[in-house]
Structure formats: structure tokens, C-alpha cells
Amino acid sequence: MSQAFSANIPFPTSGTFLLSDNSAESLINCTPGAAGCESTSVNDTTLDVGDRLRGVFGIDTISGQSILTGSGFDELAGIFDVTVTSAVQNSPTNWTF
């Protein structure tokens, strides 16, 4: 197991900033008919309440600047496993999860 490391990351103090990431995620459908599951099929590709997203991410730069410069480390990385607990359609093309 790797040792954890903490450092100050240079987030801009004003304006907008971009996190440049490399990531991968997969959709894990809940079982239709199970409590809290709104999926209609285990084979659908639509994110619904009860479904999970599992993945990994790595962030190399913030607004074009390398992160953790001089620390010997050059990436912020992580894993995630998130369950959708609600979904609200705000417009035909916009959802809030």
C-alpha cells in the first residue's frame, strides 16, 4: 500500500480554472424492481436512481500549470464509487443528480 502525501495545490484565487484530467468510469445498473431502483433493464445505458458509477481519475494540471511542482509528485489521483440517490430533469437536455 502506498503512503499518503499532502501538499498545497495552487488553485487560482479568482476567475475560472480548469482541471485537466484523465479518467475512466463504468455504469453499474441496479437490479430493476429492487427497492430504490428506477432502471428498467440491467442492460440500459441511461443513468438512473439506484445506479452506480465506479471509476478512477488523475489530474495532471490546473489551468495549464503542473501541480505539486517541486514536491517529487506530479499528479492528484483517486478512485470513486458513487450511487445515484436522486435525479431531477431541469430541461429536456439538463439533469441534476
N, C-alpha and C. Protein backbone atom coordinates (compact mmCIF):
# COMPACT_ATOMS: atom_id res chain seq x y z
N MET A 1 0.84 -1.16 0.00
CA MET A 1 0.00 0.00 0.00
C MET A 1 0.89 1.24 0.00
N SER A 2 0.49 2.25 -0.73
CA SER A 2 1.26 3.50 -0.83
C SER A 2 1.03 4.39 0.38
N GLN A 3 2.02 5.19 0.67
CA GLN A 3 1.91 6.16 1.75
C GLN A 3 1.16 7.38 1.24
N ALA A 4 0.29 7.93 2.07
CA ALA A 4 -0.43 9.15 1.71
C ALA A 4 0.51 10.34 1.77
N PHE A 5 0.22 11.36 0.96
CA PHE A 5 1.03 12.56 0.91
C PHE A 5 0.09 13.75 0.83
N SER A 6 0.37 14.80 1.54
CA SER A 6 -0.45 16.00 1.45
C SER A 6 0.42 17.18 1.01
N ALA A 7 -0.19 18.07 0.26
CA ALA A 7 0.53 19.26 -0.22
C ALA A 7 -0.48 20.33 -0.59
N ASN A 8 -0.04 21.57 -0.59
CA ASN A 8 -0.89 22.66 -1.06
C ASN A 8 -0.94 22.64 -2.58
N ILE A 9 -2.14 22.69 -3.13
CA ILE A 9 -2.31 22.70 -4.58
C ILE A 9 -2.63 24.13 -4.98
N PRO A 10 -1.97 24.67 -6.02
CA PRO A 10 -2.10 26.08 -6.38
C PRO A 10 -3.39 26.42 -7.13
N PHE A 11 -4.54 26.40 -6.45
CA PHE A 11 -5.79 26.81 -7.09
C PHE A 11 -5.78 28.32 -7.28
N PRO A 12 -6.18 28.79 -8.46
CA PRO A 12 -6.27 30.25 -8.67
C PRO A 12 -7.27 30.86 -7.68
N THR A 13 -6.99 32.07 -7.23
CA THR A 13 -7.84 32.72 -6.24
C THR A 13 -8.98 33.51 -6.85
N SER A 14 -8.95 33.73 -8.17
CA SER A 14 -10.05 34.43 -8.82
C SER A 14 -10.21 33.91 -10.25
N GLY A 15 -11.36 34.18 -10.82
CA GLY A 15 -11.62 33.75 -12.19
C GLY A 15 -11.94 32.27 -12.26
N THR A 16 -11.90 31.73 -13.45
CA THR A 16 -12.17 30.31 -13.63
C THR A 16 -10.87 29.54 -13.77
N PHE A 17 -10.93 28.27 -13.49
CA PHE A 17 -9.77 27.43 -13.67
C PHE A 17 -10.21 26.06 -14.17
N LEU A 18 -9.32 25.39 -14.86
CA LEU A 18 -9.61 24.10 -15.46
C LEU A 18 -8.73 23.02 -14.85
N LEU A 19 -9.35 21.90 -14.50
CA LEU A 19 -8.60 20.74 -14.05
C LEU A 19 -8.47 19.81 -15.25
N SER A 20 -7.25 19.52 -15.65
CA SER A 20 -7.00 18.62 -16.78
C SER A 20 -6.91 17.21 -16.23
N ASP A 21 -7.90 16.37 -16.59
CA ASP A 21 -7.91 15.04 -16.01
C ASP A 21 -7.93 13.95 -17.07
N ASN A 22 -7.51 12.79 -16.64
CA ASN A 22 -7.65 11.56 -17.40
C ASN A 22 -8.48 10.66 -16.49
N SER A 23 -9.59 10.16 -17.02
CA SER A 23 -10.46 9.37 -16.16
C SER A 23 -11.15 8.27 -16.94
N ALA A 24 -11.68 7.34 -16.21
CA ALA A 24 -12.46 6.25 -16.79
C ALA A 24 -13.53 5.87 -15.77
N GLU A 25 -14.72 5.64 -16.24
CA GLU A 25 -15.78 5.24 -15.35
C GLU A 25 -16.65 4.19 -16.03
N SER A 26 -17.35 3.42 -15.20
CA SER A 26 -18.27 2.43 -15.74
C SER A 26 -19.60 2.54 -15.01
N LEU A 27 -20.67 2.27 -15.74
CA LEU A 27 -22.02 2.30 -15.21
C LEU A 27 -22.37 0.92 -14.68
N ILE A 28 -22.80 0.85 -13.44
CA ILE A 28 -23.26 -0.40 -12.84
C ILE A 28 -24.75 -0.23 -12.57
N ASN A 29 -25.57 -0.88 -13.40
CA ASN A 29 -27.03 -0.77 -13.26
C ASN A 29 -27.51 -1.50 -12.02
N CYS A 30 -28.48 -0.89 -11.32
CA CYS A 30 -29.12 -1.58 -10.21
C CYS A 30 -30.08 -2.63 -10.78
N THR A 31 -30.56 -3.51 -9.94
CA THR A 31 -31.46 -4.56 -10.38
C THR A 31 -32.89 -4.02 -10.49
N PRO A 32 -33.47 -4.01 -11.71
CA PRO A 32 -34.83 -3.50 -11.87
C PRO A 32 -35.80 -4.21 -10.91
N GLY A 33 -36.66 -3.42 -10.28
CA GLY A 33 -37.61 -3.96 -9.33
C GLY A 33 -37.12 -3.96 -7.90
N ALA A 34 -35.82 -3.78 -7.69
CA ALA A 34 -35.28 -3.72 -6.34
C ALA A 34 -35.63 -2.38 -5.70
N ALA A 35 -35.71 -2.35 -4.39
CA ALA A 35 -36.04 -1.12 -3.67
C ALA A 35 -35.07 -0.01 -4.05
N GLY A 36 -35.59 1.16 -4.41
CA GLY A 36 -34.77 2.31 -4.74
C GLY A 36 -34.20 2.30 -6.14
N CYS A 37 -34.56 1.30 -6.96
CA CYS A 37 -34.02 1.20 -8.31
C CYS A 37 -35.04 1.67 -9.33
N GLU A 38 -34.64 2.64 -10.18
CA GLU A 38 -35.52 3.13 -11.23
C GLU A 38 -35.09 2.69 -12.61
N SER A 39 -34.06 1.83 -12.71
CA SER A 39 -33.65 1.30 -14.00
C SER A 39 -34.72 0.36 -14.54
N THR A 40 -34.83 0.32 -15.85
CA THR A 40 -35.82 -0.56 -16.48
C THR A 40 -35.20 -1.85 -16.98
N SER A 41 -33.87 -1.90 -17.07
CA SER A 41 -33.18 -3.08 -17.57
C SER A 41 -31.75 -3.06 -17.05
N VAL A 42 -31.19 -4.24 -16.80
CA VAL A 42 -29.79 -4.30 -16.36
C VAL A 42 -28.86 -3.98 -17.51
N ASN A 43 -29.39 -3.92 -18.74
CA ASN A 43 -28.57 -3.64 -19.92
C ASN A 43 -28.70 -2.21 -20.44
N ASP A 44 -29.53 -1.36 -19.76
CA ASP A 44 -29.69 0.00 -20.28
C ASP A 44 -28.42 0.82 -20.04
N THR A 45 -28.28 1.90 -20.78
CA THR A 45 -27.10 2.75 -20.67
C THR A 45 -27.46 4.15 -20.17
N THR A 46 -28.64 4.29 -19.58
CA THR A 46 -29.10 5.56 -19.03
C THR A 46 -28.88 5.55 -17.52
N LEU A 47 -28.30 6.61 -17.01
CA LEU A 47 -28.05 6.73 -15.57
C LEU A 47 -29.36 7.01 -14.86
N ASP A 48 -29.75 6.14 -13.94
CA ASP A 48 -31.00 6.26 -13.21
C ASP A 48 -30.74 6.19 -11.71
N VAL A 49 -31.75 6.55 -10.91
CA VAL A 49 -31.66 6.44 -9.46
C VAL A 49 -31.39 4.98 -9.10
N GLY A 50 -30.45 4.77 -8.22
CA GLY A 50 -30.07 3.43 -7.79
C GLY A 50 -28.85 2.89 -8.52
N ASP A 51 -28.54 3.44 -9.69
CA ASP A 51 -27.36 3.01 -10.45
C ASP A 51 -26.09 3.55 -9.78
N ARG A 52 -24.96 2.93 -10.13
CA ARG A 52 -23.67 3.34 -9.59
C ARG A 52 -22.72 3.70 -10.71
N LEU A 53 -21.84 4.65 -10.44
CA LEU A 53 -20.70 4.97 -11.30
C LEU A 53 -19.44 4.65 -10.51
N ARG A 54 -18.58 3.85 -11.10
CA ARG A 54 -17.31 3.48 -10.46
C ARG A 54 -16.18 3.83 -11.41
N GLY A 55 -15.11 4.41 -10.89
CA GLY A 55 -14.02 4.77 -11.78
C GLY A 55 -12.77 5.26 -11.09
N VAL A 56 -11.87 5.76 -11.92
CA VAL A 56 -10.59 6.29 -11.47
C VAL A 56 -10.36 7.63 -12.16
N PHE A 57 -9.56 8.49 -11.55
CA PHE A 57 -9.21 9.76 -12.18
C PHE A 57 -7.79 10.15 -11.82
N GLY A 58 -7.21 10.95 -12.68
CA GLY A 58 -5.88 11.52 -12.43
C GLY A 58 -5.87 12.94 -12.95
N ILE A 59 -5.42 13.88 -12.13
CA ILE A 59 -5.35 15.29 -12.51
C ILE A 59 -3.88 15.67 -12.59
N ASP A 60 -3.46 16.13 -13.78
CA ASP A 60 -2.05 16.47 -14.01
C ASP A 60 -1.78 17.96 -13.93
N THR A 61 -2.74 18.78 -14.39
CA THR A 61 -2.53 20.22 -14.42
C THR A 61 -3.78 20.96 -13.96
N ILE A 62 -3.57 22.16 -13.46
CA ILE A 62 -4.65 23.07 -13.10
C ILE A 62 -4.42 24.35 -13.89
N SER A 63 -5.34 24.66 -14.77
CA SER A 63 -5.22 25.83 -15.65
C SER A 63 -3.88 25.85 -16.37
N GLY A 64 -3.43 24.69 -16.83
CA GLY A 64 -2.20 24.60 -17.61
C GLY A 64 -0.92 24.55 -16.80
N GLN A 65 -1.01 24.65 -15.46
CA GLN A 65 0.19 24.61 -14.62
C GLN A 65 0.31 23.23 -13.98
N SER A 66 1.52 22.69 -13.98
CA SER A 66 1.75 21.42 -13.31
C SER A 66 1.43 21.57 -11.83
N ILE A 67 0.88 20.51 -11.25
CA ILE A 67 0.56 20.59 -9.82
C ILE A 67 1.67 19.95 -9.00
N LEU A 68 1.75 20.35 -7.77
CA LEU A 68 2.71 19.83 -6.80
C LEU A 68 4.15 19.96 -7.27
N THR A 69 4.43 21.02 -8.02
CA THR A 69 5.77 21.26 -8.54
C THR A 69 6.79 21.31 -7.42
N GLY A 70 7.88 20.59 -7.61
CA GLY A 70 8.95 20.58 -6.63
C GLY A 70 8.75 19.60 -5.49
N SER A 71 7.61 18.94 -5.45
CA SER A 71 7.34 18.01 -4.35
C SER A 71 7.83 16.60 -4.64
N GLY A 72 8.17 16.34 -5.90
CA GLY A 72 8.52 14.98 -6.28
C GLY A 72 7.31 14.20 -6.74
N PHE A 73 6.14 14.80 -6.61
CA PHE A 73 4.88 14.20 -7.06
C PHE A 73 4.29 15.10 -8.13
N ASP A 74 3.65 14.52 -9.14
CA ASP A 74 3.14 15.36 -10.23
C ASP A 74 1.71 15.03 -10.63
N GLU A 75 0.95 14.41 -9.73
CA GLU A 75 -0.40 14.02 -10.08
C GLU A 75 -1.26 13.89 -8.84
N LEU A 76 -2.51 14.26 -8.97
CA LEU A 76 -3.52 14.01 -7.95
C LEU A 76 -4.40 12.91 -8.52
N ALA A 77 -4.53 11.79 -7.84
CA ALA A 77 -5.28 10.66 -8.38
C ALA A 77 -6.24 10.12 -7.34
N GLY A 78 -7.26 9.42 -7.81
CA GLY A 78 -8.21 8.83 -6.88
C GLY A 78 -9.11 7.81 -7.55
N ILE A 79 -9.90 7.16 -6.71
CA ILE A 79 -10.91 6.22 -7.18
C ILE A 79 -12.25 6.66 -6.61
N PHE A 80 -13.34 6.29 -7.25
CA PHE A 80 -14.65 6.64 -6.74
C PHE A 80 -15.66 5.54 -7.04
N ASP A 81 -16.70 5.49 -6.23
CA ASP A 81 -17.83 4.58 -6.41
C ASP A 81 -19.04 5.33 -5.86
N VAL A 82 -19.88 5.86 -6.74
CA VAL A 82 -20.96 6.75 -6.37
C VAL A 82 -22.30 6.13 -6.73
N THR A 83 -23.27 6.18 -5.81
CA THR A 83 -24.63 5.71 -6.08
C THR A 83 -25.54 6.90 -6.29
N VAL A 84 -26.34 6.87 -7.36
CA VAL A 84 -27.27 7.96 -7.66
C VAL A 84 -28.47 7.84 -6.72
N THR A 85 -28.72 8.90 -5.93
CA THR A 85 -29.82 8.87 -4.97
C THR A 85 -31.02 9.70 -5.42
N SER A 86 -30.82 10.60 -6.38
CA SER A 86 -31.94 11.38 -6.93
C SER A 86 -31.56 11.87 -8.31
N ALA A 87 -32.59 12.13 -9.12
CA ALA A 87 -32.38 12.66 -10.47
C ALA A 87 -33.54 13.60 -10.79
N VAL A 88 -33.21 14.86 -11.11
CA VAL A 88 -34.23 15.86 -11.42
C VAL A 88 -33.96 16.39 -12.82
N GLN A 89 -34.98 16.31 -13.70
CA GLN A 89 -34.82 16.83 -15.05
C GLN A 89 -35.19 18.30 -15.05
N ASN A 90 -34.20 19.18 -15.30
CA ASN A 90 -34.39 20.63 -15.30
C ASN A 90 -34.88 21.17 -16.63
N SER A 91 -34.54 20.47 -17.71
CA SER A 91 -34.96 20.82 -19.06
C SER A 91 -34.79 19.55 -19.88
N PRO A 92 -35.20 19.56 -21.15
CA PRO A 92 -35.07 18.33 -21.95
C PRO A 92 -33.65 17.79 -22.04
N THR A 93 -32.64 18.64 -21.88
CA THR A 93 -31.25 18.20 -22.03
C THR A 93 -30.41 18.40 -20.77
N ASN A 94 -31.02 18.75 -19.62
CA ASN A 94 -30.27 19.05 -18.43
C ASN A 94 -30.85 18.30 -17.23
N TRP A 95 -30.01 17.55 -16.55
CA TRP A 95 -30.40 16.79 -15.35
C TRP A 95 -29.50 17.18 -14.18
N THR A 96 -30.04 17.14 -12.97
CA THR A 96 -29.27 17.29 -11.76
C THR A 96 -29.34 15.98 -10.99
N PHE A 97 -28.17 15.40 -10.68
CA PHE A 97 -28.12 14.14 -9.94
C PHE A 97 -27.65 14.39 -8.54
